[in-house]
């Protein structure tokens, strides 16, 4: 290069600059096309899982709604509908959040799209169990007894130093 004329050096420089710009343009094109392809893949995967989760969701909602109609006798038609709408809102919020995370690629589609079904299935099983045993759903005494048993169980299992801390905090508040 030291023996080249100024004109030849300028030509070499222009060729190198053109090649670099061309490589940069093709790199940015490849990056954009890969982002588009990845977004399309995430959307396709979430749509495939949606086709599976929607029928299962209908079954779960049936398992929630039918026992609610059988268990809740007070309040006529309004109380079961309000509770059912509450469960639907929970489903909708979880579904939208999971779908958004799936389409962004934050979560796998199986987790994001199936999350509402996984959350509401235990509720449906519990309500179906309560309806088949013909027990009251809104019996607060039953829940109070269960919560007290859990508290006693946990307090027996707590380390002694945690119990002392708890007692000293209650004594200082007085």
Protein backbone atom coordinates (compact mmCIF):
# COMPACT_ATOMS: atom_id res chain seq x y z
CA UNK A 1 0.00 0.00 0.00
CA UNK A 2 2.84 2.49 0.59
CA UNK A 3 3.88 2.25 -3.09
CA UNK A 4 0.34 2.97 -4.37
CA UNK A 5 -0.71 6.25 -5.84
CA UNK A 6 -3.31 8.43 -4.12
CA UNK A 7 -5.88 7.50 -6.73
CA UNK A 8 -5.34 3.76 -6.16
CA UNK A 9 -5.49 4.23 -2.38
CA UNK A 10 -8.79 6.10 -2.72
CA UNK A 11 -10.16 3.32 -4.93
CA UNK A 12 -9.12 0.66 -2.41
CA UNK A 13 -10.65 2.71 0.40
CA UNK A 14 -13.94 3.16 -1.51
CA UNK A 15 -14.11 -0.56 -2.29
CA UNK A 16 -13.48 -1.47 1.34
CA UNK A 17 -16.09 1.05 2.55
CA UNK A 18 -18.68 -0.25 0.02
CA UNK A 19 -18.02 -3.84 1.07
CA UNK A 20 -18.38 -2.92 4.76
CA UNK A 21 -21.68 -1.09 4.12
CA UNK A 22 -22.97 -4.04 2.13
CA UNK A 23 -22.02 -6.49 4.89
CA UNK A 24 -23.65 -4.25 7.50
CA UNK A 25 -26.86 -4.03 5.45
CA UNK A 26 -27.05 -7.78 4.94
CA UNK A 27 -26.42 -8.33 8.66
CA UNK A 28 -29.24 -5.99 9.67
CA UNK A 29 -31.53 -7.64 7.11
CA UNK A 30 -30.71 -11.09 8.53
CA UNK A 31 -31.35 -9.83 12.06
CA UNK A 32 -34.73 -8.37 11.09
CA UNK A 33 -35.81 -11.45 9.17
CA UNK A 34 -34.82 -13.72 12.06
CA UNK A 35 -36.83 -11.56 14.49
CA UNK A 36 -39.86 -11.76 12.22
CA UNK A 37 -39.47 -15.53 11.84
CA UNK A 38 -39.13 -15.98 15.60
CA UNK A 39 -42.24 -13.87 16.26
CA UNK A 40 -44.21 -15.91 13.73
CA UNK A 41 -43.01 -19.11 15.38
CA UNK A 42 -44.10 -17.94 18.86
CA UNK A 43 -47.51 -16.93 17.54
CA UNK A 44 -48.01 -20.20 15.69
CA UNK A 45 -47.04 -22.20 18.74
CA UNK A 46 -49.39 -20.23 21.01
CA UNK A 47 -52.25 -20.63 18.53
CA UNK A 48 -51.68 -24.38 18.40
CA UNK A 49 -51.84 -24.60 22.19
CA UNK A 50 -54.94 -22.35 22.21
CA UNK A 51 -56.74 -24.91 20.05
CA UNK A 52 -56.07 -27.47 22.77
CA UNK A 53 -56.69 -25.31 25.85
CA UNK A 54 -60.04 -23.83 24.83
CA UNK A 55 -61.98 -27.13 24.88
CA UNK A 56 -60.31 -28.10 28.16
CA UNK A 57 -61.21 -24.67 29.58
CA UNK A 58 -64.85 -25.25 28.70
CA UNK A 59 -64.80 -28.50 30.65
CA UNK A 60 -63.13 -26.77 33.61
CA UNK A 61 -65.75 -23.99 33.56
CA UNK A 62 -68.49 -26.61 33.44
CA UNK A 63 -66.91 -28.28 36.47
CA UNK A 64 -66.96 -24.88 38.22
CA UNK A 65 -70.43 -23.71 37.15
CA UNK A 66 -72.46 -26.86 37.68
CA UNK A 67 -71.40 -27.37 41.30
CA UNK A 68 -71.90 -23.66 41.99
CA UNK A 69 -75.50 -23.97 40.84
CA UNK A 70 -76.00 -27.00 43.06
CA UNK A 71 -74.20 -25.68 46.14
CA UNK A 72 -75.32 -22.07 46.32
CA UNK A 73 -79.04 -22.10 46.92
CA UNK A 74 -79.37 -18.71 48.58
CA UNK A 75 -79.51 -15.58 46.48
CA UNK A 76 -81.36 -17.12 43.56
CA UNK A 77 -79.62 -16.84 40.21
CA UNK A 78 -77.49 -13.80 41.03
CA UNK A 79 -74.95 -15.24 43.46
CA UNK A 80 -73.78 -18.14 41.26
CA UNK A 81 -73.53 -15.80 38.28
CA UNK A 82 -71.45 -13.27 40.20
CA UNK A 83 -69.11 -16.01 41.42
CA UNK A 84 -68.88 -17.49 37.91
CA UNK A 85 -68.04 -14.07 36.44
CA UNK A 86 -65.36 -13.71 39.12
CA UNK A 87 -63.79 -17.00 38.00
CA UNK A 88 -64.02 -15.94 34.36
CA UNK A 89 -62.22 -12.67 35.11
CA UNK A 90 -59.47 -14.63 36.87
CA UNK A 91 -59.23 -16.95 33.84
CA UNK A 92 -59.17 -14.02 31.41
CA UNK A 93 -56.43 -12.10 33.23
CA UNK A 94 -54.22 -15.19 33.61
CA UNK A 95 -54.88 -16.16 29.99
CA UNK A 96 -53.95 -12.74 28.62
CA UNK A 97 -50.80 -12.57 30.73
CA UNK A 98 -49.69 -16.05 29.72
CA UNK A 99 -50.47 -15.42 26.07
CA UNK A 100 -48.50 -12.17 26.07
CA UNK A 101 -45.48 -13.85 27.67
CA UNK A 102 -45.73 -16.68 25.17
CA UNK A 103 -45.89 -14.39 22.14
CA UNK A 104 -42.93 -12.37 23.43
CA UNK A 105 -40.94 -15.56 23.92
CA UNK A 106 -40.53 -15.06 27.68
CA UNK A 107 -42.30 -18.34 28.49
CA UNK A 108 -42.74 -21.55 26.56
CA UNK A 109 -46.16 -21.86 24.97
CA UNK A 110 -47.06 -24.86 27.07
CA UNK A 111 -46.70 -22.82 30.28
CA UNK A 112 -48.26 -19.59 29.11
CA UNK A 113 -51.27 -21.06 27.36
CA UNK A 114 -52.03 -23.83 29.86
CA UNK A 115 -51.55 -21.70 33.00
CA UNK A 116 -55.25 -20.72 33.41
CA UNK A 117 -56.30 -24.34 33.09
CA UNK A 118 -53.72 -25.40 35.69
CA UNK A 119 -54.86 -22.66 38.07
CA UNK A 120 -58.61 -23.29 37.80
CA UNK A 121 -58.60 -27.09 37.67
CA UNK A 122 -58.00 -27.52 41.43
CA UNK A 123 -60.86 -25.08 42.08
CA UNK A 124 -63.12 -27.09 39.78
CA UNK A 125 -62.17 -30.36 41.46
CA UNK A 126 -62.78 -28.84 44.90
CA UNK A 127 -66.20 -27.48 43.92
CA UNK A 128 -67.17 -30.79 42.32
CA UNK A 129 -66.10 -32.60 45.49
CA UNK A 130 -68.16 -30.21 47.64
CA UNK A 131 -71.20 -30.69 45.39
CA UNK A 132 -71.01 -34.49 45.35
CA UNK A 133 -70.75 -34.61 49.16
CA UNK A 134 -73.59 -32.08 49.42
CA UNK A 135 -71.65 -29.87 51.79
CA UNK A 136 -72.08 -26.15 52.10
CA UNK A 137 -69.54 -24.04 50.27
CA UNK A 138 -70.01 -20.88 52.26
CA UNK A 139 -69.93 -22.51 55.72
CA UNK A 140 -67.42 -20.22 57.43
CA UNK A 141 -67.25 -22.39 60.55
CA UNK A 142 -65.75 -25.24 58.52
CA UNK A 143 -63.07 -22.92 57.09
CA UNK A 144 -62.41 -21.42 60.54
CA UNK A 145 -61.77 -24.87 62.03
CA UNK A 146 -59.42 -25.78 59.17
CA UNK A 147 -57.46 -22.53 59.45
CA UNK A 148 -57.08 -22.98 63.22
CA UNK A 149 -55.79 -26.53 62.71
CA UNK A 150 -53.25 -25.28 60.19
CA UNK A 151 -52.12 -22.50 62.54
CA UNK A 152 -51.69 -24.96 65.42
CA UNK A 153 -49.76 -27.33 63.17
CA UNK A 154 -47.46 -24.55 61.96
CA UNK A 155 -46.92 -23.10 65.45
CA UNK A 156 -45.89 -26.53 66.77
CA UNK A 157 -43.37 -26.86 63.95
CA UNK A 158 -41.88 -23.38 64.31
CA UNK A 159 -38.41 -23.18 65.84
CA UNK A 160 -38.29 -21.95 69.44
CA UNK A 161 -36.40 -18.77 68.54
CA UNK A 162 -39.22 -17.71 66.19
CA UNK A 163 -41.80 -18.23 68.93
CA UNK A 164 -39.77 -16.10 71.34
CA UNK A 165 -39.46 -13.33 68.75
CA UNK A 166 -43.18 -13.42 68.15
CA UNK A 167 -43.96 -13.22 71.88
CA UNK A 168 -41.50 -10.38 72.46
CA UNK A 169 -43.03 -8.37 69.59
CA UNK A 170 -46.52 -8.75 71.05
CA UNK A 171 -45.28 -7.71 74.52
CA UNK A 172 -43.59 -4.57 73.19
CA UNK A 173 -46.73 -3.44 71.38
CA UNK A 174 -48.70 -3.18 74.63
